C-alpha atoms as a PDB file:
ATOM      1  CA  MET A   1     132.543 169.054  95.962  1.00  0.00           C
ATOM      2  CA  ASN A   2     135.535 168.580  98.786  1.00  0.00           C
ATOM      3  CA  MET A   3     139.271 169.199  98.224  1.00  0.00           C
ATOM      4  CA  VAL A   4     139.635 166.489  96.207  1.00  0.00           C
ATOM      5  CA  SER A   5     136.755 166.276  93.898  1.00  0.00           C
ATOM      6  CA  TRP A   6     134.653 168.806  92.222  1.00  0.00           C
ATOM      7  CA  GLY A   7     131.740 166.261  92.469  1.00  0.00           C
ATOM      8  CA  ALA A   8     129.857 163.502  90.656  1.00  0.00           C
ATOM      9  CA  VAL A   9     127.005 162.531  88.296  1.00  0.00           C
ATOM     10  CA  MET A  10     124.772 160.296  88.911  1.00  0.00           C
ATOM     11  CA  GLY A  11     121.941 158.020  86.838  1.00  0.00           C
ATOM     12  CA  ALA A  12     119.863 156.056  88.845  1.00  0.00           C
ATOM     13  CA  TRP A  13     116.945 153.192  87.389  1.00  0.00           C
ATOM     14  CA  ILE A  14     115.036 151.390  88.963  1.00  0.00           C
ATOM     15  CA  ASP A  15     113.096 148.645  87.934  1.00  0.00           C
ATOM     16  CA  SER A  16     110.282 146.317  88.944  1.00  0.00           C
ATOM     17  CA  VAL A  17     111.621 142.617  89.033  1.00  0.00           C
ATOM     18  CA  ASP A  18     108.810 141.508  90.981  1.00  0.00           C
ATOM     19  CA  LYS A  19     105.886 142.269  94.313  1.00  0.00           C
ATOM     20  CA  ASP A  20     108.393 142.127  96.782  1.00  0.00           C
ATOM     21  CA  LYS A  21     111.711 142.620  94.850  1.00  0.00           C
ATOM     22  CA  SER A  22     113.375 145.812  92.480  1.00  0.00           C
ATOM     23  CA  LYS A  23     116.683 146.022  90.269  1.00  0.00           C
ATOM     24  CA  VAL A  24     117.900 149.704  90.637  1.00  0.00           C
ATOM     25  CA  THR A  25     121.193 150.530  88.543  1.00  0.00           C
ATOM     26  CA  VAL A  26     123.344 153.235  89.362  1.00  0.00           C
ATOM     27  CA  VAL A  27     126.390 155.083  86.895  1.00  0.00           C
ATOM     28  CA  THR A  28     128.528 158.132  88.318  1.00  0.00           C
ATOM     29  CA  LYS A  29     131.035 160.178  86.483  1.00  0.00           C
ATOM     30  CA  ARG A  30     133.075 162.379  87.823  1.00  0.00           C
ATOM     31  CA  ARG A  31     132.237 165.858  86.842  1.00  0.00           C
ATOM     32  CA  LEU A  32     136.095 166.751  85.679  1.00  0.00           C
ATOM     33  CA  SER A  33     137.921 163.790  83.969  1.00  0.00           C
ATOM     34  CA  MET A  34     140.483 165.222  85.214  1.00  0.00           C
ATOM     35  CA  ASN A  35     139.386 164.390  88.964  1.00  0.00           C
ATOM     36  CA  VAL A  36     141.416 161.696  90.449  1.00  0.00           C
ATOM     37  CA  ALA A  37     138.519 160.383  92.957  1.00  0.00           C
ATOM     38  CA  THR A  38     134.915 160.844  93.480  1.00  0.00           C
ATOM     39  CA  THR A  39     133.131 160.776  96.723  1.00  0.00           C
ATOM     40  CA  LEU A  40     130.165 158.921  95.123  1.00  0.00           C
ATOM     41  CA  THR A  41     130.919 155.777  94.228  1.00  0.00           C
ATOM     42  CA  GLU A  42     128.148 153.565  92.832  1.00  0.00           C
ATOM     43  CA  ALA A  43     128.609 151.630  97.072  1.00  0.00           C
ATOM     44  CA  THR A  44     127.726 154.506  98.327  1.00  0.00           C
ATOM     45  CA  PHE A  45     124.839 155.012  95.922  1.00  0.00           C
ATOM     46  CA  HIS A  46     123.790 151.811  97.093  1.00  0.00           C
ATOM     47  CA  LYS A  47     124.105 152.741 100.767  1.00  0.00           C
ATOM     48  CA  ARG A  48     122.557 155.542 101.166  1.00  0.00           C
ATOM     49  CA  PHE A  49     119.265 154.338  99.057  1.00  0.00           C
ATOM     50  CA  ALA A  50     118.414 151.605 101.235  1.00  0.00           C
ATOM     51  CA  GLN A  51     118.570 153.674 103.393  1.00  0.00           C
ATOM     52  CA  ALA A  52     116.302 155.630 102.869  1.00  0.00           C
ATOM     53  CA  VAL A  53     114.324 152.308 101.814  1.00  0.00           C
ATOM     54  CA  ASP A  54     114.664 152.147 105.545  1.00  0.00           C
ATOM     55  CA  ILE A  55     113.733 155.649 107.162  1.00  0.00           C
ATOM     56  CA  VAL A  56     110.015 155.547 104.456  1.00  0.00           C
ATOM     57  CA  LYS A  57     109.384 151.848 105.205  1.00  0.00           C
ATOM     58  CA  ALA A  58     109.569 153.496 108.911  1.00  0.00           C
ATOM     59  CA  GLY A  59     106.704 156.156 107.891  1.00  0.00           C
ATOM     60  CA  LYS A  60     109.432 158.384 108.360  1.00  0.00           C
ATOM     61  CA  THR A  61     110.097 161.961 106.418  1.00  0.00           C
ATOM     62  CA  LEU A  62     113.671 161.932 104.426  1.00  0.00           C
ATOM     63  CA  PRO A  63     116.125 164.360 106.331  1.00  0.00           C
ATOM     64  CA  VAL A  64     117.656 166.616 104.325  1.00  0.00           C
ATOM     65  CA  ALA A  65     120.868 166.007 104.859  1.00  0.00           C
ATOM     66  CA  ALA A  66     122.344 162.257 104.878  1.00  0.00           C
ATOM     67  CA  PRO A  67     122.175 160.647 108.752  1.00  0.00           C
END
């Protein structure tokens, strides 16, 4: 939530394609339909998801707040 948006809700589906690849499908919706914008977009999710994968691959714990 911020001054422009009441936030968003999101669903994510992760499917294994093969041993080394996964397919990630993301759907985001504004919490209130009258909001003009949302801070959580598909692109934002994929960016944060990739960051999380890199952190986990490095053997670290995911932080509480996004880096």
